[in-house]
Amino acid sequence: MPVKNIQSLKYFIEKWDTVDPEYDYTVPYNNSVDTNFKSLPTFVAEFHNCKVNSCPLLITMGNKMITQHVWPLTHQARMKPKKSHGLWSEWKETMDVNIPSVSRTFPEKYRYVWLPIDEASANNPWHIWIDVISKFRLMEKRWSTNFARYCFVLSNYSSYFDKVLKELFPDVKVIVMPKNETWQFAHLLVPSMSNSQDGVITPPLAPWLRHFKGLNGLKEITPSRKILVLRPGAKTRRLVNSEELILALKGWETVALENMTITEQMKTFAEATHVVAAHGAGLVNLLWCKKGTKVIEIQDPKMVHKKVYPVLSHHLGLIHELYLANTVPIEMVAGKKPKGVKRFSDLINFEVDVANFIKHLD
């Protein structure tokens, strides 16, 4: 099927009203990188008689393919499709896309909302809160605050999203697409991304998530804890001399997020006056910290361009610093990355100079 690959933001904002305008802002978290950012406008698009595939992609009635600004496909999905999905051979402006035949149709209008996410990102807490649940906000602003009236269509199963729904939004209905299926909708609401360049979020998003209805119990908490977040179950970015650091941190406690429910994670960060953690998706829990909380993110010196959490803290009124640690390479087995590790640049653990780190804290 020949389709036109829509990558221009202009296509959307000429058809649908924006929810948020562009925002220019500066987050001066490091002197060696550009810290001036521009967030993109947000919107809720509508498509009639469209098809969606779990890749994820959408094909309109007029054979236009929609991915960009709704869910940007990874470089591998775009440029190396045979390794990812095999739906096309070359990524270009006009391309042949071979999606499977429609296996399910949905005739109702003004009910279905598309939540695209790729399989590799589906269990990443950052992507779930910032790129999926953020779309609830756009639906609230443009359509209705009653989420129970909608049926949200998730393009890939996410065990993390499933936990969030069960604990926080039990009344929200979600259906999950099986892998590599194609569904057709008579009418589909498609909220945009609120996050561009992997971390440049639209400024109203973070405060909205923090005060999202159903999460208001966190408002009554008075912060009193200093927490060191460890990653014992992670394959990468673990703190190899954590025991030495724990002994030196008087009055601090350690937490491991993988042993907590979603609600427990939220409460823990809401109770924190200080947070120390290695860079990782679990730091999306900074959303629940109170204004003024002090955050030290342990980071690879080669990755200071990763502005994700400094930007998030900026919009929440947190005091965020990077601590650039020594890196300890992780050896590959038979020349291959460990299962679940996406990038070769992730094959590191961290080691901190404890005496220097304590001075940094003081």
Protein backbone atom coordinates (compact mmCIF):
# COMPACT_ATOMS: atom_id res chain seq x y z
CA MET A 1 0.00 0.00 0.00
CA PRO A 2 1.60 3.35 -1.05
CA VAL A 3 1.26 5.98 1.69
CA LYS A 4 2.42 9.53 2.26
CA ASN A 5 4.58 9.70 5.39
CA ILE A 6 3.39 12.74 7.39
CA GLN A 7 6.25 14.20 9.43
CA SER A 8 5.37 17.90 9.45
CA LEU A 9 3.77 19.48 12.50
CA LYS A 10 2.04 21.93 10.15
CA TYR A 11 -0.24 19.14 8.91
CA PHE A 12 -1.76 18.83 12.39
CA ILE A 13 -1.96 22.41 13.60
CA GLU A 14 -3.66 23.54 10.39
CA LYS A 15 -6.43 20.99 10.96
CA TRP A 16 -6.95 20.99 14.72
CA ASP A 17 -6.83 23.63 17.46
CA THR A 18 -3.80 23.51 19.71
CA VAL A 19 -4.11 22.73 23.41
CA ASP A 20 -0.70 24.18 24.32
CA PRO A 21 1.37 26.71 22.37
CA GLU A 22 5.12 26.51 21.86
CA TYR A 23 7.09 27.38 24.99
CA ASP A 24 10.67 28.67 25.11
CA TYR A 25 12.49 28.04 28.37
CA THR A 26 15.98 27.68 29.83
CA VAL A 27 17.15 25.09 32.37
CA PRO A 28 20.79 25.96 33.23
CA TYR A 29 21.79 22.55 34.63
CA ASN A 30 25.19 22.23 32.92
CA ASN A 31 27.61 24.67 31.30
CA SER A 32 28.84 22.30 28.58
CA VAL A 33 25.54 21.82 26.72
CA ASP A 34 22.83 24.01 25.24
CA THR A 35 20.14 24.43 27.88
CA ASN A 36 17.68 26.54 25.88
CA PHE A 37 14.64 24.53 24.89
CA LYS A 38 11.46 24.89 22.83
CA SER A 39 8.49 22.62 23.44
CA LEU A 40 6.14 21.87 20.55
CA PRO A 41 2.41 22.69 20.38
CA THR A 42 0.02 19.96 21.53
CA PHE A 43 -3.33 18.98 20.02
CA VAL A 44 -5.96 16.25 19.76
CA ALA A 45 -6.40 15.03 16.18
CA GLU A 46 -9.44 13.18 14.84
CA PHE A 47 -9.43 10.58 12.10
CA HIS A 48 -12.35 8.85 10.37
CA ASN A 49 -12.22 5.35 8.88
CA CYS A 50 -8.57 4.94 9.80
CA LYS A 51 -6.43 1.88 10.45
CA VAL A 52 -3.92 1.45 13.25
CA ASN A 53 -1.17 -1.11 13.61
CA SER A 54 0.63 -2.06 16.81
CA CYS A 55 4.00 -1.02 15.29
CA PRO A 56 2.63 1.67 16.18
CA LEU A 57 1.36 3.60 13.16
CA LEU A 58 -1.90 5.00 11.83
CA ILE A 59 -3.04 5.12 8.21
CA THR A 60 -5.77 7.60 7.34
CA MET A 61 -8.67 7.15 4.93
CA GLY A 62 -6.58 9.10 2.39
CA ASN A 63 -3.56 6.79 2.79
CA LYS A 64 -1.46 9.11 4.92
CA MET A 65 0.76 7.48 7.53
CA ILE A 66 0.80 9.11 10.98
CA THR A 67 3.57 8.44 13.48
CA GLN A 68 5.57 11.63 14.08
CA HIS A 69 4.18 14.03 16.76
CA VAL A 70 1.90 11.21 17.95
CA TRP A 71 4.55 8.57 18.67
CA PRO A 72 8.01 9.00 17.07
CA LEU A 73 9.30 5.62 15.95
CA THR A 74 12.78 4.69 17.11
CA HIS A 75 15.66 4.95 14.67
CA GLN A 76 15.73 1.16 14.36
CA ALA A 77 12.02 0.98 13.50
CA ARG A 78 12.44 3.68 10.86
CA MET A 79 15.72 2.71 9.26
CA LYS A 80 16.07 -1.02 10.03
CA PRO A 81 12.50 -2.27 9.68
CA LYS A 82 13.47 -5.88 8.93
CA LYS A 83 14.87 -6.17 12.47
CA SER A 84 11.81 -4.50 14.03
CA HIS A 85 8.64 -5.23 12.08
CA GLY A 86 9.14 -5.66 8.32
CA LEU A 87 6.24 -3.36 7.39
CA TRP A 88 8.31 -1.35 4.90
CA SER A 89 11.73 -1.52 3.28
CA GLU A 90 12.73 2.15 3.21
CA TRP A 91 11.74 5.20 5.30
CA LYS A 92 10.94 8.12 2.99
CA GLU A 93 8.28 10.72 2.14
CA THR A 94 6.21 8.32 0.01
CA MET A 95 6.61 4.63 0.84
CA ASP A 96 5.04 1.21 0.53
CA VAL A 97 3.66 -0.09 3.82
CA ASN A 98 2.49 -3.68 4.09
CA ILE A 99 0.37 -3.95 7.20
CA PRO A 100 -1.69 -7.09 7.91
CA SER A 101 -5.36 -7.15 6.93
CA VAL A 102 -7.85 -5.63 9.36
CA SER A 103 -8.72 -8.15 12.09
CA ARG A 104 -11.14 -6.04 14.12
CA THR A 105 -13.43 -3.07 13.43
CA PHE A 106 -14.91 -0.45 15.76
CA PRO A 107 -17.98 1.40 14.43
CA GLU A 108 -18.66 3.76 17.36
CA LYS A 109 -17.76 7.46 17.21
CA TYR A 110 -16.35 9.80 19.89
CA ARG A 111 -15.38 6.89 22.11
CA TYR A 112 -11.97 5.48 21.16
CA VAL A 113 -8.68 7.21 22.01
CA TRP A 114 -5.38 5.95 20.62
CA LEU A 115 -2.41 5.53 22.98
CA PRO A 116 0.50 4.46 20.76
CA ILE A 117 3.69 3.13 22.33
CA ASP A 118 6.33 0.85 20.86
CA GLU A 119 7.09 -2.53 22.39
CA ALA A 120 10.58 -1.52 23.57
CA SER A 121 9.26 1.49 25.54
CA ALA A 122 6.08 -0.08 26.91
CA ASN A 123 7.42 -0.89 30.39
CA ASN A 124 9.49 2.25 30.86
CA PRO A 125 7.89 4.38 33.63
CA TRP A 126 9.12 7.65 32.06
CA HIS A 127 7.42 6.88 28.75
CA ILE A 128 4.20 5.71 30.44
CA TRP A 129 3.75 8.89 32.50
CA ILE A 130 5.19 11.46 30.10
CA ASP A 131 4.17 9.99 26.74
CA VAL A 132 1.02 7.98 27.49
CA ILE A 133 -0.75 9.30 30.60
CA SER A 134 0.06 12.83 29.39
CA LYS A 135 -2.55 12.21 26.69
CA PHE A 136 -5.23 12.05 29.42
CA ARG A 137 -4.46 15.71 30.06
CA LEU A 138 -5.04 16.65 26.41
CA MET A 139 -8.34 14.75 26.41
CA GLU A 140 -9.35 16.60 29.59
CA LYS A 141 -8.46 19.99 28.11
CA ARG A 142 -10.04 19.41 24.70
CA TRP A 143 -12.90 16.97 25.31
CA SER A 144 -13.97 15.80 28.79
CA THR A 145 -12.69 15.23 32.33
CA ASN A 146 -14.79 12.05 32.51
CA PHE A 147 -12.26 9.46 31.34
CA ALA A 148 -14.76 6.65 31.94
CA ARG A 149 -16.64 7.72 28.80
CA TYR A 150 -13.68 6.72 26.62
CA CYS A 151 -12.08 3.46 25.65
CA PHE A 152 -8.32 3.91 25.37
CA VAL A 153 -6.53 1.78 22.76
CA LEU A 154 -2.97 0.84 23.77
CA SER A 155 -0.80 -0.34 20.89
CA ASN A 156 1.42 -2.67 22.97
CA TYR A 157 0.88 -4.37 26.32
CA SER A 158 2.57 -2.70 29.30
CA SER A 159 2.70 -4.44 32.67
CA TYR A 160 3.72 -1.13 34.27
CA PHE A 161 0.75 0.74 32.77
CA ASP A 162 -1.46 -2.13 33.91
CA LYS A 163 -0.27 -1.60 37.50
CA VAL A 164 -0.86 2.16 37.26
CA LEU A 165 -4.40 1.60 36.01
CA LYS A 166 -5.28 -0.95 38.70
CA GLU A 167 -3.91 1.18 41.54
CA LEU A 168 -4.88 4.67 40.42
CA PHE A 169 -7.46 4.58 37.62
CA PRO A 170 -9.58 1.43 38.06
CA ASP A 171 -12.52 2.97 36.17
CA VAL A 172 -10.54 3.73 33.01
CA LYS A 173 -11.18 1.20 30.24
CA VAL A 174 -8.21 0.15 28.11
CA ILE A 175 -7.98 -2.42 25.33
CA VAL A 176 -4.57 -3.65 24.17
CA MET A 177 -3.71 -4.50 20.58
CA PRO A 178 -2.11 -7.90 20.00
CA LYS A 179 1.30 -7.72 18.38
CA ASN A 180 1.29 -6.91 14.65
CA GLU A 181 -2.48 -6.65 14.33
CA THR A 182 -4.37 -4.00 12.36
CA TRP A 183 -7.64 -2.53 13.61
CA GLN A 184 -10.03 -0.16 11.84
CA PHE A 185 -11.95 2.65 13.55
CA ALA A 186 -14.88 4.63 12.22
CA HIS A 187 -13.64 7.50 14.40
CA LEU A 188 -10.48 7.78 16.48
CA LEU A 189 -9.26 10.55 18.77
CA VAL A 190 -5.47 10.88 18.66
CA PRO A 191 -3.76 13.11 21.26
CA SER A 192 -0.29 14.39 20.39
CA MET A 193 2.97 13.98 22.26
CA SER A 194 3.66 16.46 25.07
CA ASN A 195 7.35 15.60 24.93
CA SER A 196 9.79 16.40 22.13
CA GLN A 197 13.51 15.68 21.78
CA ASP A 198 13.19 13.10 24.58
CA GLY A 199 12.74 15.39 27.54
CA VAL A 200 11.57 18.79 26.28
CA ILE A 201 8.09 18.59 27.78
CA THR A 202 5.38 21.21 27.56
CA PRO A 203 5.64 23.13 30.89
CA PRO A 204 2.05 22.66 32.17
CA LEU A 205 2.32 18.87 31.97
CA ALA A 206 4.45 18.14 35.06
CA PRO A 207 2.33 20.21 37.51
CA TRP A 208 -0.83 18.67 36.03
CA LEU A 209 0.47 15.14 36.63
CA ARG A 210 1.54 16.06 40.17
CA HIS A 211 -1.96 17.32 41.01
CA PHE A 212 -3.89 14.84 38.90
CA LYS A 213 -7.22 13.94 40.47
CA GLY A 214 -6.96 10.76 42.48
CA LEU A 215 -3.42 11.65 43.56
CA ASN A 216 -4.43 14.43 45.93
CA GLY A 217 -3.64 12.40 49.05
CA LEU A 218 0.00 13.30 48.48
CA LYS A 219 -0.76 16.95 49.22
CA GLU A 220 -1.11 16.24 52.94
CA ILE A 221 2.39 14.76 53.27
CA THR A 222 5.15 16.77 54.97
CA PRO A 223 8.57 15.77 53.55
CA SER A 224 11.05 14.45 56.13
CA ARG A 225 13.12 11.67 54.49
CA LYS A 226 16.50 11.63 52.74
CA ILE A 227 16.52 8.75 50.25
CA LEU A 228 19.20 7.00 48.23
CA VAL A 229 17.55 5.11 45.36
CA LEU A 230 19.34 1.88 44.50
CA ARG A 231 18.86 -0.29 41.40
CA PRO A 232 19.61 -3.85 42.61
CA GLY A 233 17.51 -5.46 39.88
CA ALA A 234 18.82 -3.30 37.03
CA LYS A 235 21.24 -4.60 34.40
CA THR A 236 23.00 -1.24 34.04
CA ARG A 237 23.78 2.02 35.87
CA ARG A 238 24.05 0.36 39.28
CA LEU A 239 26.20 1.97 41.97
CA VAL A 240 29.06 -0.50 42.43
CA ASN A 241 30.29 1.01 45.72
CA SER A 242 26.84 1.60 47.19
CA GLU A 243 27.71 -0.10 50.50
CA GLU A 244 30.57 2.34 51.08
CA LEU A 245 28.30 5.28 50.26
CA ILE A 246 25.51 4.00 52.53
CA LEU A 247 27.91 3.86 55.49
CA ALA A 248 28.94 7.46 54.85
CA LEU A 249 25.42 8.85 54.49
CA LYS A 250 24.29 9.53 58.05
CA GLY A 251 20.54 9.88 58.44
CA TRP A 252 19.76 8.61 54.94
CA GLU A 253 17.77 5.52 53.97
CA THR A 254 17.94 3.31 50.90
CA VAL A 255 14.98 2.39 48.72
CA ALA A 256 14.59 -0.04 45.81
CA LEU A 257 11.66 0.93 43.59
CA GLU A 258 11.25 -2.53 42.02
CA ASN A 259 10.07 -3.83 45.41
CA MET A 260 7.32 -1.19 45.73
CA THR A 261 3.83 -0.71 44.40
CA ILE A 262 3.15 2.38 42.29
CA THR A 263 1.41 4.03 45.25
CA GLU A 264 4.35 3.26 47.57
CA GLN A 265 6.80 4.79 45.08
CA MET A 266 4.70 7.95 44.87
CA LYS A 267 4.42 8.26 48.64
CA THR A 268 8.17 7.68 49.13
CA PHE A 269 9.12 10.53 46.77
CA ALA A 270 6.43 12.82 48.22
CA GLU A 271 8.01 12.28 51.66
CA ALA A 272 11.55 13.09 50.48
CA THR A 273 13.42 16.29 51.27
CA HIS A 274 16.47 14.92 49.42
CA VAL A 275 16.78 12.35 46.61
CA VAL A 276 20.00 10.77 45.33
CA ALA A 277 19.66 8.38 42.39
CA ALA A 278 21.43 7.18 39.27
CA HIS A 279 19.93 8.25 35.96
CA GLY A 280 17.06 5.91 35.06
CA ALA A 281 13.35 5.73 34.31
CA GLY A 282 12.46 5.40 38.00
CA LEU A 283 13.33 9.08 38.44
CA VAL A 284 10.00 9.93 36.83
CA ASN A 285 8.81 9.60 40.44
CA LEU A 286 10.23 13.10 40.94
CA LEU A 287 6.73 14.05 39.79
CA TRP A 288 5.53 13.44 43.35
CA CYS A 289 8.24 15.45 45.16
CA LYS A 290 7.27 18.68 46.88
CA LYS A 291 8.56 21.99 45.61
CA GLY A 292 12.06 22.67 46.95
CA THR A 293 13.10 19.00 47.21
CA LYS A 294 16.83 18.63 46.53
CA VAL A 295 17.77 16.09 43.85
CA ILE A 296 21.21 14.77 42.90
CA GLU A 297 21.19 12.67 39.74
CA ILE A 298 24.27 10.47 39.27
CA GLN A 299 25.13 10.57 35.59
CA ASP A 300 27.71 9.47 33.03
CA PRO A 301 29.93 12.45 32.07
CA LYS A 302 29.34 11.53 28.40
CA MET A 303 25.58 11.84 28.87
CA VAL A 304 25.17 15.35 30.25
CA HIS A 305 23.03 16.14 27.20
CA LYS A 306 20.32 13.91 28.73
CA LYS A 307 18.16 16.76 29.99
CA VAL A 308 15.15 14.61 30.91
CA TYR A 309 15.19 14.97 34.70
CA PRO A 310 16.74 18.44 35.02
CA VAL A 311 13.89 19.69 32.81
CA LEU A 312 11.27 17.77 34.79
CA SER A 313 12.63 19.16 38.08
CA HIS A 314 12.66 22.67 36.63
CA HIS A 315 8.93 22.54 35.89
CA LEU A 316 8.21 21.13 39.36
CA GLY A 317 10.29 23.66 41.33
CA LEU A 318 12.85 21.10 42.52
CA ILE A 319 16.55 21.85 43.08
CA HIS A 320 18.32 19.51 40.66
CA GLU A 321 22.05 18.86 40.26
CA LEU A 322 24.03 16.39 38.20
CA TYR A 323 26.86 14.47 39.85
CA LEU A 324 29.17 13.15 37.14
CA ALA A 325 30.43 9.78 38.34
CA ASN A 326 33.20 7.44 37.30
CA THR A 327 31.91 4.79 34.90
CA VAL A 328 32.66 1.06 35.13
CA PRO A 329 32.18 -0.80 31.81
CA ILE A 330 29.94 -3.87 31.72
CA GLU A 331 31.39 -6.72 29.69
CA MET A 332 29.31 -8.20 26.89
CA VAL A 333 28.71 -11.95 26.74
CA ALA A 334 29.73 -13.52 23.42
CA GLY A 335 29.79 -10.05 21.88
CA LYS A 336 26.13 -9.35 22.71
CA LYS A 337 24.39 -6.87 24.99
CA PRO A 338 22.49 -8.35 27.96
CA LYS A 339 18.82 -8.94 27.19
CA GLY A 340 16.76 -5.79 27.72
CA VAL A 341 19.67 -3.37 27.20
CA LYS A 342 18.86 -1.14 24.21
CA ARG A 343 22.08 0.79 23.60
CA PHE A 344 25.80 0.03 23.86
CA SER A 345 26.18 3.37 25.66
CA ASP A 346 24.10 1.91 28.51
CA LEU A 347 26.69 -0.79 29.26
CA ILE A 348 28.07 0.94 32.33
CA ASN A 349 27.75 1.02 36.10
CA PHE A 350 28.67 3.96 38.32
CA GLU A 351 31.27 4.48 41.02
CA VAL A 352 31.39 7.63 43.14
CA ASP A 353 34.27 9.11 45.08
CA VAL A 354 32.53 8.88 48.45
CA ALA A 355 34.48 11.64 50.21
CA ASN A 356 33.96 13.98 47.28
CA PHE A 357 30.28 13.05 47.07
CA ILE A 358 29.68 13.81 50.76
CA LYS A 359 31.32 17.22 50.28
CA HIS A 360 29.05 17.77 47.29
CA LEU A 361 26.02 16.98 49.46
CA ASP A 362 27.15 19.35 52.18
